[in-house]
Amino acid sequence: MNICIETQMACASEDIPDEDSMRHWVSAAMRDEAATLELSVQIVDEQESAALNQQYRGKSGPTNVLSFPFDAVTPQPLPILGDLVICAPVVNREAIEQHKPAEAHWAHMCVHGVLHLLGYDHVGDHDAEVMESLETSILQDLGFSCPYANK
């Protein structure tokens, strides 16, 4: 599998994983997907996350990760998965609040976001069980603990 990740840092923070780590986590989440996929990962501050969350989800305040699947109509299929927008201050704060290593929570947010891009959701109880089980399996394969252990 070849994954092309374009990373955009729109937030000044020292607590952001490197692109190789994010590529590794994204690859793990896309284990059974096509040979070549592209996505962008934008790291933002709370102000931008809150604006996007309000604009696209109708919810106020910043959120940890937003997923925007690529859905343009094109003459031929394109290998573009979509965009992830990750709010660094929220992810780092949640890691502290949830007593998790920051790296583990960043990995979880990358995996969680990619699964949304792949069509998974957690609106209903059954869908949430399926998605959370898949996230747990992927993260444990990466060497991290169950992200929902303290749920």
N, C-alpha and C. Protein backbone atom coordinates (compact mmCIF):
# COMPACT_ATOMS: atom_id res chain seq x y z
N MET A 1 0.85 -1.18 0.00
CA MET A 1 0.00 0.00 0.00
C MET A 1 0.89 1.24 0.00
N ASN A 2 0.55 2.18 -0.83
CA ASN A 2 1.26 3.45 -0.90
C ASN A 2 0.31 4.55 -0.44
N ILE A 3 0.71 5.26 0.59
CA ILE A 3 -0.14 6.31 1.12
C ILE A 3 0.60 7.64 1.00
N CYS A 4 -0.05 8.58 0.36
CA CYS A 4 0.51 9.92 0.23
C CYS A 4 -0.23 10.81 1.22
N ILE A 5 0.50 11.32 2.20
CA ILE A 5 -0.11 12.20 3.21
C ILE A 5 0.50 13.58 3.06
N GLU A 6 -0.37 14.55 2.90
CA GLU A 6 0.07 15.93 2.91
C GLU A 6 -0.27 16.49 4.29
N THR A 7 0.74 16.90 5.01
CA THR A 7 0.54 17.43 6.36
C THR A 7 0.66 18.94 6.33
N GLN A 8 -0.32 19.61 6.92
CA GLN A 8 -0.32 21.06 7.00
C GLN A 8 -0.38 21.45 8.47
N MET A 9 0.59 22.20 8.91
CA MET A 9 0.63 22.64 10.30
C MET A 9 0.11 24.07 10.39
N ALA A 10 -1.13 24.21 10.82
CA ALA A 10 -1.73 25.53 10.98
C ALA A 10 -1.81 25.89 12.45
N CYS A 11 -1.01 25.21 13.25
CA CYS A 11 -1.01 25.41 14.70
C CYS A 11 0.41 25.26 15.21
N ALA A 12 0.84 26.22 15.97
CA ALA A 12 2.18 26.14 16.55
C ALA A 12 2.12 25.34 17.85
N SER A 13 2.67 24.16 17.81
CA SER A 13 2.70 23.30 19.00
C SER A 13 3.89 22.38 18.90
N GLU A 14 4.53 22.15 20.02
CA GLU A 14 5.66 21.23 20.06
C GLU A 14 5.21 19.79 20.29
N ASP A 15 3.96 19.61 20.65
CA ASP A 15 3.44 18.29 21.02
C ASP A 15 2.69 17.62 19.88
N ILE A 16 3.21 17.73 18.68
CA ILE A 16 2.58 17.13 17.50
C ILE A 16 3.48 16.01 17.01
N PRO A 17 2.92 14.84 16.76
CA PRO A 17 3.74 13.73 16.25
C PRO A 17 4.32 14.06 14.88
N ASP A 18 5.39 13.36 14.54
CA ASP A 18 5.99 13.58 13.23
C ASP A 18 5.17 12.90 12.14
N GLU A 19 5.44 13.30 10.90
CA GLU A 19 4.68 12.78 9.77
C GLU A 19 4.83 11.28 9.59
N ASP A 20 6.01 10.73 9.90
CA ASP A 20 6.21 9.28 9.78
C ASP A 20 5.29 8.52 10.73
N SER A 21 5.14 9.02 11.95
CA SER A 21 4.23 8.37 12.90
C SER A 21 2.80 8.42 12.40
N MET A 22 2.38 9.60 11.93
CA MET A 22 1.02 9.72 11.42
C MET A 22 0.80 8.80 10.21
N ARG A 23 1.77 8.69 9.33
CA ARG A 23 1.67 7.80 8.17
C ARG A 23 1.51 6.34 8.63
N HIS A 24 2.26 5.96 9.64
CA HIS A 24 2.19 4.61 10.18
C HIS A 24 0.79 4.32 10.74
N TRP A 25 0.24 5.25 11.50
CA TRP A 25 -1.08 5.07 12.10
C TRP A 25 -2.17 5.04 11.03
N VAL A 26 -2.06 5.94 10.05
CA VAL A 26 -3.03 5.97 8.96
C VAL A 26 -2.97 4.66 8.17
N SER A 27 -1.77 4.18 7.88
CA SER A 27 -1.60 2.92 7.15
C SER A 27 -2.25 1.77 7.89
N ALA A 28 -2.09 1.75 9.20
CA ALA A 28 -2.69 0.68 10.00
C ALA A 28 -4.20 0.70 9.90
N ALA A 29 -4.79 1.89 9.87
CA ALA A 29 -6.24 2.01 9.78
C ALA A 29 -6.77 1.62 8.40
N MET A 30 -5.93 1.72 7.38
CA MET A 30 -6.35 1.42 6.01
C MET A 30 -5.82 0.06 5.56
N ARG A 31 -5.74 -0.88 6.46
CA ARG A 31 -5.08 -2.15 6.18
C ARG A 31 -5.62 -2.92 4.99
N ASP A 32 -6.87 -2.84 4.66
CA ASP A 32 -7.42 -3.62 3.56
C ASP A 32 -7.85 -2.76 2.37
N GLU A 33 -7.34 -1.56 2.29
CA GLU A 33 -7.78 -0.64 1.25
C GLU A 33 -6.91 -0.72 0.01
N ALA A 34 -7.24 0.11 -0.97
CA ALA A 34 -6.56 0.13 -2.27
C ALA A 34 -5.06 0.36 -2.13
N ALA A 35 -4.36 0.07 -3.21
CA ALA A 35 -2.91 0.14 -3.22
C ALA A 35 -2.37 1.55 -3.03
N THR A 36 -3.04 2.55 -3.57
CA THR A 36 -2.57 3.92 -3.44
C THR A 36 -3.71 4.82 -3.00
N LEU A 37 -3.51 5.55 -1.94
CA LEU A 37 -4.50 6.49 -1.44
C LEU A 37 -3.82 7.78 -1.01
N GLU A 38 -4.53 8.87 -1.16
CA GLU A 38 -4.03 10.16 -0.74
C GLU A 38 -4.97 10.77 0.28
N LEU A 39 -4.41 11.45 1.26
CA LEU A 39 -5.22 12.22 2.18
C LEU A 39 -4.38 13.36 2.74
N SER A 40 -5.06 14.34 3.24
CA SER A 40 -4.33 15.43 3.89
C SER A 40 -4.69 15.41 5.37
N VAL A 41 -3.71 15.80 6.16
CA VAL A 41 -3.90 15.93 7.61
C VAL A 41 -3.52 17.35 7.96
N GLN A 42 -4.47 18.09 8.45
CA GLN A 42 -4.20 19.47 8.85
C GLN A 42 -4.29 19.56 10.36
N ILE A 43 -3.25 20.10 10.96
CA ILE A 43 -3.21 20.30 12.41
C ILE A 43 -3.58 21.76 12.68
N VAL A 44 -4.63 21.95 13.47
CA VAL A 44 -5.16 23.30 13.68
C VAL A 44 -5.23 23.64 15.17
N ASP A 45 -5.51 24.93 15.42
CA ASP A 45 -5.70 25.40 16.78
C ASP A 45 -7.20 25.33 17.13
N GLU A 46 -7.54 25.69 18.35
CA GLU A 46 -8.92 25.58 18.81
C GLU A 46 -9.87 26.51 18.06
N GLN A 47 -9.40 27.68 17.70
CA GLN A 47 -10.25 28.63 16.99
C GLN A 47 -10.68 28.07 15.63
N GLU A 48 -9.73 27.54 14.88
CA GLU A 48 -10.08 26.99 13.57
C GLU A 48 -10.93 25.74 13.70
N SER A 49 -10.61 24.89 14.67
CA SER A 49 -11.42 23.68 14.89
C SER A 49 -12.86 24.06 15.23
N ALA A 50 -13.03 25.05 16.10
CA ALA A 50 -14.38 25.48 16.49
C ALA A 50 -15.14 26.03 15.29
N ALA A 51 -14.47 26.80 14.45
CA ALA A 51 -15.13 27.37 13.27
C ALA A 51 -15.57 26.26 12.31
N LEU A 52 -14.70 25.28 12.07
CA LEU A 52 -15.04 24.17 11.18
C LEU A 52 -16.13 23.29 11.78
N ASN A 53 -16.06 23.05 13.08
CA ASN A 53 -17.06 22.24 13.76
C ASN A 53 -18.43 22.89 13.66
N GLN A 54 -18.48 24.21 13.82
CA GLN A 54 -19.75 24.94 13.70
C GLN A 54 -20.26 24.92 12.26
N GLN A 55 -19.35 25.19 11.32
CA GLN A 55 -19.75 25.28 9.91
C GLN A 55 -20.24 23.95 9.35
N TYR A 56 -19.53 22.85 9.67
CA TYR A 56 -19.84 21.58 9.03
C TYR A 56 -20.66 20.62 9.87
N ARG A 57 -20.68 20.81 11.18
CA ARG A 57 -21.45 19.89 12.02
C ARG A 57 -22.52 20.60 12.83
N GLY A 58 -22.51 21.94 12.80
CA GLY A 58 -23.49 22.70 13.56
C GLY A 58 -23.29 22.61 15.05
N LYS A 59 -22.06 22.30 15.46
CA LYS A 59 -21.75 22.16 16.89
C LYS A 59 -20.76 23.25 17.30
N SER A 60 -20.98 23.82 18.47
CA SER A 60 -20.09 24.88 18.92
C SER A 60 -18.88 24.31 19.65
N GLY A 61 -17.79 25.03 19.58
CA GLY A 61 -16.56 24.64 20.27
C GLY A 61 -15.68 23.75 19.43
N PRO A 62 -14.41 23.67 19.83
CA PRO A 62 -13.46 22.83 19.10
C PRO A 62 -13.70 21.36 19.38
N THR A 63 -13.23 20.52 18.49
CA THR A 63 -13.32 19.07 18.66
C THR A 63 -11.98 18.45 18.30
N ASN A 64 -11.76 17.21 18.70
CA ASN A 64 -10.46 16.58 18.51
C ASN A 64 -10.12 16.31 17.05
N VAL A 65 -11.04 15.70 16.30
CA VAL A 65 -10.76 15.38 14.90
C VAL A 65 -12.03 15.51 14.07
N LEU A 66 -11.86 16.07 12.89
CA LEU A 66 -12.94 16.16 11.90
C LEU A 66 -12.48 15.42 10.66
N SER A 67 -13.40 14.71 10.04
CA SER A 67 -13.09 13.95 8.82
C SER A 67 -13.96 14.47 7.69
N PHE A 68 -13.31 14.71 6.56
CA PHE A 68 -14.00 15.20 5.38
C PHE A 68 -13.71 14.26 4.22
N PRO A 69 -14.60 13.29 3.96
CA PRO A 69 -14.37 12.37 2.85
C PRO A 69 -14.38 13.10 1.52
N PHE A 70 -13.56 12.65 0.60
CA PHE A 70 -13.53 13.20 -0.75
C PHE A 70 -14.73 12.67 -1.50
N ASP A 71 -15.57 13.57 -2.02
CA ASP A 71 -16.78 13.11 -2.69
C ASP A 71 -17.06 13.85 -3.99
N ALA A 72 -16.04 14.39 -4.60
CA ALA A 72 -16.23 15.10 -5.87
C ALA A 72 -16.56 14.12 -6.99
N VAL A 73 -17.36 14.59 -7.91
CA VAL A 73 -17.70 13.79 -9.09
C VAL A 73 -16.60 14.01 -10.12
N THR A 74 -15.95 12.93 -10.52
CA THR A 74 -14.85 13.01 -11.49
C THR A 74 -15.08 11.98 -12.59
N PRO A 75 -14.54 12.24 -13.78
CA PRO A 75 -14.72 11.29 -14.89
C PRO A 75 -14.18 9.89 -14.56
N GLN A 76 -13.08 9.86 -13.83
CA GLN A 76 -12.49 8.59 -13.41
C GLN A 76 -12.26 8.64 -11.90
N PRO A 77 -12.35 7.49 -11.24
CA PRO A 77 -12.10 7.49 -9.80
C PRO A 77 -10.69 8.01 -9.47
N LEU A 78 -10.61 8.78 -8.43
CA LEU A 78 -9.33 9.30 -7.96
C LEU A 78 -8.97 8.61 -6.64
N PRO A 79 -7.68 8.44 -6.38
CA PRO A 79 -7.26 7.74 -5.15
C PRO A 79 -7.23 8.66 -3.92
N ILE A 80 -8.16 9.62 -3.86
CA ILE A 80 -8.16 10.58 -2.76
C ILE A 80 -9.17 10.13 -1.71
N LEU A 81 -8.69 9.90 -0.50
CA LEU A 81 -9.55 9.45 0.59
C LEU A 81 -10.29 10.63 1.22
N GLY A 82 -9.59 11.73 1.45
CA GLY A 82 -10.22 12.90 2.04
C GLY A 82 -9.25 13.67 2.92
N ASP A 83 -9.81 14.42 3.86
CA ASP A 83 -9.03 15.29 4.74
C ASP A 83 -9.35 15.00 6.20
N LEU A 84 -8.31 15.03 7.01
CA LEU A 84 -8.47 14.99 8.47
C LEU A 84 -8.03 16.34 9.01
N VAL A 85 -8.79 16.86 9.95
CA VAL A 85 -8.42 18.10 10.64
C VAL A 85 -8.33 17.74 12.11
N ILE A 86 -7.13 17.84 12.66
CA ILE A 86 -6.90 17.46 14.05
C ILE A 86 -6.53 18.69 14.85
N CYS A 87 -7.21 18.89 15.95
CA CYS A 87 -6.96 20.04 16.82
C CYS A 87 -5.94 19.65 17.89
N ALA A 88 -4.71 20.13 17.72
CA ALA A 88 -3.62 19.75 18.62
C ALA A 88 -3.91 20.08 20.09
N PRO A 89 -4.38 21.29 20.43
CA PRO A 89 -4.63 21.56 21.85
C PRO A 89 -5.68 20.65 22.46
N VAL A 90 -6.73 20.31 21.71
CA VAL A 90 -7.78 19.44 22.24
C VAL A 90 -7.24 18.02 22.44
N VAL A 91 -6.52 17.50 21.45
CA VAL A 91 -5.98 16.14 21.57
C VAL A 91 -5.01 16.05 22.74
N ASN A 92 -4.13 17.02 22.87
CA ASN A 92 -3.16 16.99 23.97
C ASN A 92 -3.85 17.14 25.33
N ARG A 93 -4.86 17.99 25.41
CA ARG A 93 -5.61 18.17 26.67
C ARG A 93 -6.37 16.89 27.02
N GLU A 94 -7.01 16.27 26.03
CA GLU A 94 -7.75 15.03 26.28
C GLU A 94 -6.82 13.92 26.76
N ALA A 95 -5.64 13.85 26.20
CA ALA A 95 -4.69 12.82 26.63
C ALA A 95 -4.39 12.97 28.11
N ILE A 96 -4.19 14.19 28.55
CA ILE A 96 -3.92 14.44 29.97
C ILE A 96 -5.15 14.09 30.81
N GLU A 97 -6.32 14.57 30.39
CA GLU A 97 -7.56 14.32 31.14
C GLU A 97 -7.89 12.83 31.23
N GLN A 98 -7.57 12.08 30.17
CA GLN A 98 -7.88 10.66 30.13
C GLN A 98 -6.74 9.79 30.62
N HIS A 99 -5.68 10.43 31.12
CA HIS A 99 -4.52 9.73 31.66
C HIS A 99 -3.92 8.76 30.65
N LYS A 100 -3.77 9.24 29.41
CA LYS A 100 -3.20 8.44 28.33
C LYS A 100 -1.91 9.10 27.85
N PRO A 101 -0.97 8.32 27.36
CA PRO A 101 0.19 8.93 26.71
C PRO A 101 -0.30 9.73 25.49
N ALA A 102 0.27 10.89 25.27
CA ALA A 102 -0.14 11.73 24.14
C ALA A 102 -0.02 10.98 22.82
N GLU A 103 1.05 10.23 22.64
CA GLU A 103 1.24 9.49 21.40
C GLU A 103 0.09 8.51 21.15
N ALA A 104 -0.37 7.85 22.19
CA ALA A 104 -1.47 6.90 22.06
C ALA A 104 -2.75 7.61 21.64
N HIS A 105 -2.99 8.78 22.20
CA HIS A 105 -4.22 9.51 21.85
C HIS A 105 -4.14 10.07 20.43
N TRP A 106 -2.97 10.55 20.03
CA TRP A 106 -2.79 11.01 18.65
C TRP A 106 -3.01 9.85 17.68
N ALA A 107 -2.47 8.68 18.00
CA ALA A 107 -2.67 7.51 17.15
C ALA A 107 -4.16 7.19 17.05
N HIS A 108 -4.85 7.25 18.19
CA HIS A 108 -6.28 6.98 18.20
C HIS A 108 -7.03 7.97 17.32
N MET A 109 -6.70 9.25 17.40
CA MET A 109 -7.40 10.25 16.60
C MET A 109 -7.14 10.05 15.10
N CYS A 110 -5.92 9.65 14.74
CA CYS A 110 -5.63 9.36 13.33
C CYS A 110 -6.43 8.16 12.85
N VAL A 111 -6.43 7.10 13.63
CA VAL A 111 -7.18 5.88 13.27
C VAL A 111 -8.67 6.19 13.22
N HIS A 112 -9.17 6.86 14.23
CA HIS A 112 -10.59 7.21 14.30
C HIS A 112 -11.01 8.03 13.08
N GLY A 113 -10.22 9.04 12.76
CA GLY A 113 -10.53 9.89 11.62
C GLY A 113 -10.52 9.14 10.30
N VAL A 114 -9.53 8.28 10.11
CA VAL A 114 -9.44 7.49 8.87
C VAL A 114 -10.63 6.55 8.76
N LEU A 115 -11.03 5.94 9.86
CA LEU A 115 -12.19 5.04 9.80
C LEU A 115 -13.45 5.80 9.38
N HIS A 116 -13.59 7.05 9.84
CA HIS A 116 -14.70 7.86 9.36
C HIS A 116 -14.59 8.09 7.85
N LEU A 117 -13.38 8.37 7.36
CA LEU A 117 -13.19 8.56 5.93
C LEU A 117 -13.54 7.30 5.14
N LEU A 118 -13.36 6.16 5.77
CA LEU A 118 -13.68 4.88 5.12
C LEU A 118 -15.15 4.50 5.24
N GLY A 119 -15.93 5.35 5.92
CA GLY A 119 -17.37 5.12 6.00
C GLY A 119 -17.89 4.60 7.32
N TYR A 120 -17.04 4.39 8.29
CA TYR A 120 -17.49 3.94 9.62
C TYR A 120 -18.06 5.12 10.39
N ASP A 121 -18.99 4.81 11.29
CA ASP A 121 -19.58 5.86 12.12
C ASP A 121 -19.91 5.28 13.49
N HIS A 122 -20.29 6.14 14.41
CA HIS A 122 -20.60 5.69 15.76
C HIS A 122 -21.85 6.37 16.29
N VAL A 123 -22.79 6.65 15.37
CA VAL A 123 -24.03 7.32 15.78
C VAL A 123 -24.93 6.35 16.55
N GLY A 124 -25.18 5.19 16.01
CA GLY A 124 -26.01 4.19 16.68
C GLY A 124 -25.15 3.26 17.53
N ASP A 125 -25.78 2.57 18.47
CA ASP A 125 -25.06 1.67 19.38
C ASP A 125 -24.31 0.57 18.62
N HIS A 126 -24.97 -0.06 17.65
CA HIS A 126 -24.31 -1.13 16.90
C HIS A 126 -23.12 -0.60 16.12
N ASP A 127 -23.31 0.52 15.42
CA ASP A 127 -22.22 1.11 14.65
C ASP A 127 -21.06 1.51 15.56
N ALA A 128 -21.39 2.04 16.74
CA ALA A 128 -20.34 2.42 17.70
C ALA A 128 -19.56 1.20 18.16
N GLU A 129 -20.25 0.10 18.42
CA GLU A 129 -19.56 -1.13 18.84
C GLU A 129 -18.62 -1.63 17.76
N VAL A 130 -19.09 -1.61 16.52
CA VAL A 130 -18.26 -2.06 15.39
C VAL A 130 -17.03 -1.17 15.25
N MET A 131 -17.24 0.14 15.26
CA MET A 131 -16.13 1.07 15.06
C MET A 131 -15.14 1.01 16.22
N GLU A 132 -15.64 1.00 17.44
CA GLU A 132 -14.76 0.95 18.60
C GLU A 132 -13.96 -0.34 18.66
N SER A 133 -14.58 -1.44 18.28
CA SER A 133 -13.88 -2.72 18.25
C SER A 133 -12.75 -2.69 17.22
N LEU A 134 -13.03 -2.13 16.07
CA LEU A 134 -12.01 -2.02 15.02
C LEU A 134 -10.88 -1.09 15.46
N GLU A 135 -11.23 0.05 16.04
CA GLU A 135 -10.21 0.98 16.56
C GLU A 135 -9.32 0.28 17.58
N THR A 136 -9.94 -0.44 18.51
CA THR A 136 -9.18 -1.13 19.55
C THR A 136 -8.23 -2.14 18.94
N SER A 137 -8.71 -2.91 17.99
CA SER A 137 -7.88 -3.92 17.34
C SER A 137 -6.68 -3.28 16.63
N ILE A 138 -6.94 -2.23 15.87
CA ILE A 138 -5.87 -1.54 15.14
C ILE A 138 -4.85 -0.96 16.11
N LEU A 139 -5.33 -0.28 17.14
CA LEU A 139 -4.42 0.35 18.10
C LEU A 139 -3.62 -0.69 18.88
N GLN A 140 -4.23 -1.80 19.24
CA GLN A 140 -3.49 -2.85 19.94
C GLN A 140 -2.45 -3.46 19.02
N ASP A 141 -2.76 -3.62 17.72
CA ASP A 141 -1.76 -4.10 16.76
C ASP A 141 -0.58 -3.13 16.67
N LEU A 142 -0.84 -1.84 16.93
CA LEU A 142 0.22 -0.83 16.91
C LEU A 142 0.97 -0.76 18.25
N GLY A 143 0.51 -1.53 19.23
CA GLY A 143 1.19 -1.56 20.53
C GLY A 143 0.61 -0.63 21.56
N PHE A 144 -0.58 -0.07 21.29
CA PHE A 144 -1.23 0.83 22.24
C PHE A 144 -2.34 0.09 22.99
N SER A 145 -2.71 0.62 24.13
CA SER A 145 -3.80 0.06 24.93
C SER A 145 -5.14 0.38 24.30
N CYS A 146 -6.17 -0.30 24.78
CA CYS A 146 -7.53 -0.04 24.34
C CYS A 146 -7.86 1.43 24.63
N PRO A 147 -8.28 2.18 23.62
CA PRO A 147 -8.56 3.60 23.84
C PRO A 147 -9.83 3.84 24.64
N TYR A 148 -10.65 2.81 24.82
CA TYR A 148 -11.92 2.96 25.52
C TYR A 148 -11.90 2.31 26.89
N ALA A 149 -10.73 2.00 27.41
CA ALA A 149 -10.62 1.30 28.69
C ALA A 149 -11.24 2.11 29.82
N ASN A 150 -11.18 3.43 29.76
CA ASN A 150 -11.73 4.28 30.83
C ASN A 150 -13.08 4.85 30.48
N LYS A 151 -13.73 4.28 29.50
CA LYS A 151 -15.01 4.82 29.00
C LYS A 151 -16.11 4.58 29.99
